[in-house]
Protein backbone atom coordinates (compact mmCIF):
# COMPACT_ATOMS: atom_id res chain seq x y z
CA UNK A 1 -48.64 -11.60 99.79
CA UNK A 2 -48.36 -15.01 101.75
CA UNK A 3 -47.60 -15.41 105.38
CA UNK A 4 -44.65 -17.83 104.85
CA UNK A 5 -43.05 -14.46 101.83
CA UNK A 6 -44.05 -11.64 104.45
CA UNK A 7 -42.15 -13.80 107.00
CA UNK A 8 -39.27 -14.23 104.28
CA UNK A 9 -39.29 -10.34 103.38
CA UNK A 10 -39.13 -9.33 106.84
CA UNK A 11 -35.86 -11.75 107.18
CA UNK A 12 -34.58 -10.50 105.18
CA UNK A 13 -35.31 -6.92 105.91
CA UNK A 14 -33.63 -7.46 109.16
CA UNK A 15 -29.79 -9.45 107.65
CA UNK A 16 -30.14 -8.56 103.91
CA UNK A 17 -26.77 -11.42 103.93
CA UNK A 18 -28.91 -14.29 104.80
CA UNK A 19 -28.31 -17.32 103.90
CA UNK A 20 -30.90 -19.54 102.13
CA UNK A 21 -29.79 -22.44 104.92
CA UNK A 22 -30.50 -19.89 107.48
CA UNK A 23 -33.56 -18.58 106.02
CA UNK A 24 -35.00 -21.85 105.69
CA UNK A 25 -34.44 -22.64 109.46
CA UNK A 26 -36.57 -19.57 110.32
CA UNK A 27 -39.42 -19.75 108.18
CA UNK A 28 -39.52 -23.62 108.35
CA UNK A 29 -38.68 -24.38 104.64
CA UNK A 30 -35.98 -26.56 102.70
CA UNK A 31 -33.25 -24.04 101.45
CA UNK A 32 -34.23 -25.09 97.83
CA UNK A 33 -37.68 -23.77 98.79
CA UNK A 34 -36.47 -20.33 100.39
CA UNK A 35 -34.61 -20.02 97.52
CA UNK A 36 -37.57 -20.20 94.60
CA UNK A 37 -39.97 -18.62 96.55
CA UNK A 38 -37.24 -15.47 96.80
CA UNK A 39 -36.36 -15.65 92.93
CA UNK A 40 -40.22 -15.08 93.08
CA UNK A 41 -40.33 -12.53 95.36
CA UNK A 42 -37.64 -10.42 93.23
CA UNK A 43 -39.11 -11.15 89.75
CA UNK A 44 -42.50 -9.48 91.49
CA UNK A 45 -40.30 -6.48 92.47
CA UNK A 46 -41.11 -7.13 96.03
CA UNK A 47 -37.65 -7.11 96.83
CA UNK A 48 -36.27 -4.80 94.73
CA UNK A 49 -32.47 -5.22 95.48
CA UNK A 50 -29.64 -5.52 98.20
CA UNK A 51 -27.21 -3.52 99.94
CA UNK A 52 -24.24 -2.69 101.98
CA UNK A 53 -25.28 -0.63 105.02
CA UNK A 54 -21.90 2.45 104.80
CA UNK A 55 -20.75 3.54 107.64
CA UNK A 56 -20.32 6.88 106.24
CA UNK A 57 -18.52 8.40 108.47
CA UNK A 58 -14.88 5.72 107.94
CA UNK A 59 -15.53 6.88 104.16
CA UNK A 60 -14.82 10.65 104.52
CA UNK A 61 -18.69 11.54 104.51
CA UNK A 62 -19.45 12.28 108.29
CA UNK A 63 -22.09 14.76 107.34
CA UNK A 64 -25.13 14.25 106.81
CA UNK A 65 -27.73 16.82 105.87
CA UNK A 66 -31.82 16.54 105.04
CA UNK A 67 -32.80 19.10 102.38
CA UNK A 68 -36.31 20.67 101.69
CA UNK A 69 -37.09 21.51 98.11
CA UNK A 70 -39.39 23.64 97.15
CA UNK A 71 -40.10 25.31 93.58
CA UNK A 72 -39.53 29.13 92.72
CA UNK A 73 -42.81 28.65 90.37
CA UNK A 74 -45.43 26.11 91.43
CA UNK A 75 -46.48 26.26 87.90
CA UNK A 76 -43.42 25.28 86.98
CA UNK A 77 -42.53 21.26 85.59
CA UNK A 78 -42.04 18.66 88.14
CA UNK A 79 -38.85 17.80 87.37
CA UNK A 80 -36.88 18.46 90.32
CA UNK A 81 -35.14 14.42 90.49
CA UNK A 82 -34.66 14.57 87.19
CA UNK A 83 -32.34 18.20 87.45
CA UNK A 84 -30.69 16.81 90.92
CA UNK A 85 -29.87 13.17 89.78
CA UNK A 86 -26.57 13.58 88.40
CA UNK A 87 -25.65 14.67 92.07
CA UNK A 88 -24.02 11.70 93.61
CA UNK A 89 -23.64 13.07 97.05
CA UNK A 90 -27.54 12.87 96.92
CA UNK A 91 -28.57 9.67 98.73
CA UNK A 92 -32.24 9.85 98.53
CA UNK A 93 -34.91 11.97 97.33
CA UNK A 94 -38.64 11.71 98.77
CA UNK A 95 -41.54 13.17 97.06
CA UNK A 96 -43.73 14.56 100.58
CA UNK A 97 -46.84 16.21 101.27
CA UNK A 98 -46.41 19.67 102.80
CA UNK A 99 -45.14 23.05 102.41
CA UNK A 100 -41.58 21.61 100.79
CA UNK A 101 -42.42 19.57 97.50
CA UNK A 102 -39.04 17.06 98.24
CA UNK A 103 -37.18 15.99 100.68
CA UNK A 104 -33.78 14.33 99.94
CA UNK A 105 -30.77 13.26 101.38
CA UNK A 106 -26.94 14.42 101.02
CA UNK A 107 -23.40 12.93 102.73
CA UNK A 108 -20.86 15.21 102.67
CA UNK A 109 -16.89 15.55 104.07
CA UNK A 110 -17.66 19.32 105.94
CA UNK A 111 -19.47 21.62 106.25
CA UNK A 112 -18.18 24.06 103.31
CA UNK A 113 -19.62 20.97 100.93
CA UNK A 114 -22.78 21.24 101.76
CA UNK A 115 -22.34 25.15 100.90
CA UNK A 116 -21.55 23.89 97.85
CA UNK A 117 -24.44 21.39 97.52
CA UNK A 118 -26.58 23.87 98.33
CA UNK A 119 -25.68 26.48 95.57
CA UNK A 120 -25.02 23.62 93.17
CA UNK A 121 -29.50 22.51 93.86
CA UNK A 122 -30.57 25.96 93.79
CA UNK A 123 -28.52 26.77 90.24
CA UNK A 124 -29.84 23.12 89.30
CA UNK A 125 -33.18 22.88 90.02
CA UNK A 126 -33.69 25.99 90.06
CA UNK A 127 -35.65 25.78 93.64
CA UNK A 128 -35.66 27.76 97.69
CA UNK A 129 -34.34 24.89 100.09
CA UNK A 130 -34.10 24.70 103.77
CA UNK A 131 -31.30 22.45 105.50
CA UNK A 132 -31.19 20.23 109.10
CA UNK A 133 -27.88 18.64 109.78
CA UNK A 134 -28.45 15.97 111.11
CA UNK A 135 -26.07 15.84 114.63
CA UNK A 136 -25.89 11.83 115.15
CA UNK A 137 -27.45 9.05 114.10
CA UNK A 138 -28.94 6.76 116.98
CA UNK A 139 -30.42 4.13 114.08
CA UNK A 140 -31.21 3.65 110.59
CA UNK A 141 -33.11 1.57 108.40
CA UNK A 142 -34.56 0.00 111.33
CA UNK A 143 -36.72 -3.10 109.50
CA UNK A 144 -40.20 -1.88 109.40
CA UNK A 145 -42.89 -4.60 111.03
CA UNK A 146 -45.40 -5.79 107.81
CA UNK A 147 -49.00 -6.07 108.30
CA UNK A 148 -50.61 -9.46 108.56
CA UNK A 149 -51.33 -11.52 105.70
CA UNK A 150 -54.97 -11.55 104.14
CA UNK A 151 -55.17 -14.93 102.94
């Protein structure tokens, strides 16, 4: 990926609502040139979407937890994500290396909701769980520094 495209991606990762004019000024291109580049980045799948950052406490979901999942039967099909995709409280699902197979992040209203969520996950995915409750979030979604272009 070209250096200018990397700069565009970095700026949009930090501020997804940046206008094409602002983005153009930041990377030294015209508004139309930036628009074309962003469109190509989207078409190539480099930019996969845009989303609003939500203050979950203000929308009634102050409890965040990370739940590690391990299948009871390691020989069973690896379909835990598919078994859980119907649960809207799950914010993210990661396949991980280590003793667990997956780690999911959930957003909930209160501890009893977490207790019910754990029961629902165990029933739907036939797996063991280990839960970590998030006490506070000093920061989240920090833009990652992209490696330099290999021109």
